[in-house]
Amino acid sequence: MKKVMLVVFNGEEMCFIHVLLNALDMLERSYDVGIIMEGASTKLLTSLEKKEHFLHNLWEKAKEKGLIEGVCKACSNKMGTMKVAEEIGLNLLGDMSGHPSLARFMEEGYEIITF
């Protein structure tokens, strides 16, 4: 089984839509796929949770399918969204000085794709 971790640093909504679409597509193709929100992308959490946001339905679908591996603990703290991540039950990843270790996922056989 192909293993892919999509790591999104970019905080632009038009970038994040492609992350969500690709993750859902890969899941349909039986990939072991996950999304890690890093850097400026963590700022999107508040907007994505609003029902009126144009990405909300895709976001909800990705969460329901278990595609959100987690959110960078340090970056969500800096962006003021760590509490939002905790409230919606997302994993806070911080095993590398407060940030997610990509090497850990590579050691588990994941290909890393960054956005």
Protein backbone atom coordinates (compact mmCIF):
# COMPACT_ATOMS: atom_id res chain seq x y z
CA MET A 1 0.00 0.00 0.00
CA LYS A 2 1.32 3.44 -0.93
CA LYS A 3 1.84 5.67 2.12
CA VAL A 4 1.74 9.46 1.68
CA MET A 5 1.78 12.27 4.23
CA LEU A 6 0.66 15.66 2.91
CA VAL A 7 2.34 18.40 4.93
CA VAL A 8 0.85 21.84 4.42
CA PHE A 9 2.78 24.92 5.52
CA ASN A 10 1.00 27.38 3.22
CA GLY A 11 -1.85 29.30 4.81
CA GLU A 12 -3.62 30.12 1.55
CA GLU A 13 -7.12 28.66 1.20
CA MET A 14 -6.61 27.96 -2.51
CA CYS A 15 -3.59 25.84 -1.64
CA PHE A 16 -5.41 24.02 1.16
CA ILE A 17 -8.30 23.02 -1.10
CA HIS A 18 -5.81 21.03 -3.18
CA VAL A 19 -4.48 19.32 -0.07
CA LEU A 20 -8.00 18.24 0.90
CA LEU A 21 -8.93 17.13 -2.62
CA ASN A 22 -5.72 15.15 -3.09
CA ALA A 23 -6.02 13.46 0.30
CA LEU A 24 -9.60 12.39 -0.44
CA ASP A 25 -8.60 11.18 -3.92
CA MET A 26 -5.67 9.18 -2.53
CA LEU A 27 -7.93 7.62 0.09
CA GLU A 28 -10.37 6.55 -2.65
CA ARG A 29 -7.41 4.93 -4.41
CA SER A 30 -6.62 2.98 -1.21
CA TYR A 31 -3.54 4.96 -0.20
CA ASP A 32 -2.60 5.26 3.45
CA VAL A 33 -2.75 9.05 3.48
CA GLY A 34 -2.72 11.78 6.11
CA ILE A 35 -2.53 15.55 6.41
CA ILE A 36 -0.26 17.46 8.77
CA MET A 37 -0.98 21.16 9.27
CA GLU A 38 2.23 23.13 9.87
CA GLY A 39 3.26 26.77 9.81
CA ALA A 40 0.78 29.32 8.50
CA SER A 41 -1.78 26.64 7.58
CA THR A 42 -2.64 26.26 11.27
CA LYS A 43 -4.19 29.73 11.08
CA LEU A 44 -6.94 28.26 8.84
CA LEU A 45 -8.46 26.13 11.62
CA THR A 46 -10.86 28.81 12.86
CA SER A 47 -12.18 29.54 9.35
CA LEU A 48 -12.48 25.88 8.33
CA GLU A 49 -14.74 25.17 11.29
CA LYS A 50 -17.31 27.80 10.18
CA LYS A 51 -20.21 26.20 8.31
CA GLU A 52 -20.42 29.11 5.89
CA HIS A 53 -16.78 28.75 4.80
CA PHE A 54 -16.41 27.41 1.25
CA LEU A 55 -13.99 24.68 2.41
CA HIS A 56 -16.03 23.58 5.42
CA ASN A 57 -17.70 20.58 3.76
CA LEU A 58 -14.41 19.23 2.36
CA TRP A 59 -12.76 19.86 5.74
CA GLU A 60 -15.50 17.96 7.56
CA LYS A 61 -15.26 15.07 5.10
CA ALA A 62 -11.48 14.87 5.61
CA LYS A 63 -11.92 14.89 9.40
CA GLU A 64 -14.66 12.23 9.26
CA LYS A 65 -12.41 9.99 7.16
CA GLY A 66 -9.58 10.38 9.68
CA LEU A 67 -7.27 12.12 7.24
CA ILE A 68 -6.03 14.85 9.59
CA GLU A 69 -2.93 13.31 11.18
CA GLY A 70 -2.43 16.36 13.31
CA VAL A 71 -1.51 19.98 13.78
CA CYS A 72 1.86 21.44 14.70
CA LYS A 73 1.77 22.24 18.40
CA ALA A 74 4.26 25.14 18.24
CA CYS A 75 2.79 26.75 15.13
CA SER A 76 -0.83 26.50 16.27
CA ASN A 77 0.24 28.07 19.55
CA LYS A 78 1.97 30.92 17.69
CA MET A 79 -1.02 31.39 15.34
CA GLY A 80 -3.50 31.36 18.23
CA THR A 81 -5.36 28.24 17.11
CA MET A 82 -4.04 25.56 19.46
CA LYS A 83 -7.20 25.75 21.57
CA VAL A 84 -9.35 25.33 18.44
CA ALA A 85 -7.33 22.25 17.46
CA GLU A 86 -7.81 20.77 20.92
CA GLU A 87 -11.55 21.57 20.97
CA ILE A 88 -12.17 19.77 17.70
CA GLY A 89 -10.08 16.79 18.79
CA LEU A 90 -7.08 17.11 16.48
CA ASN A 91 -3.75 15.66 17.53
CA LEU A 92 -1.14 18.22 18.52
CA LEU A 93 2.16 17.05 17.07
CA GLY A 94 5.28 18.28 18.78
CA ASP A 95 7.84 15.49 18.99
CA MET A 96 10.61 17.65 17.42
CA SER A 97 11.09 20.73 19.60
CA GLY A 98 7.35 21.44 19.46
CA HIS A 99 6.98 20.61 15.75
CA PRO A 100 6.08 17.32 14.02
CA SER A 101 9.06 15.15 13.10
CA LEU A 102 8.82 14.31 9.41
CA ALA A 103 11.67 11.82 9.82
CA ARG A 104 9.37 9.73 12.03
CA PHE A 105 6.86 9.42 9.20
CA MET A 106 9.61 8.68 6.68
CA GLU A 107 10.86 5.90 8.98
CA GLU A 108 7.31 4.51 8.92
CA GLY A 109 7.49 4.38 5.10
CA TYR A 110 5.59 7.55 4.23
CA GLU A 111 6.44 9.65 1.22
CA ILE A 112 6.31 13.31 2.27
CA ILE A 113 4.69 15.86 -0.02
CA THR A 114 4.79 19.48 1.09
CA PHE A 115 2.44 22.30 0.15
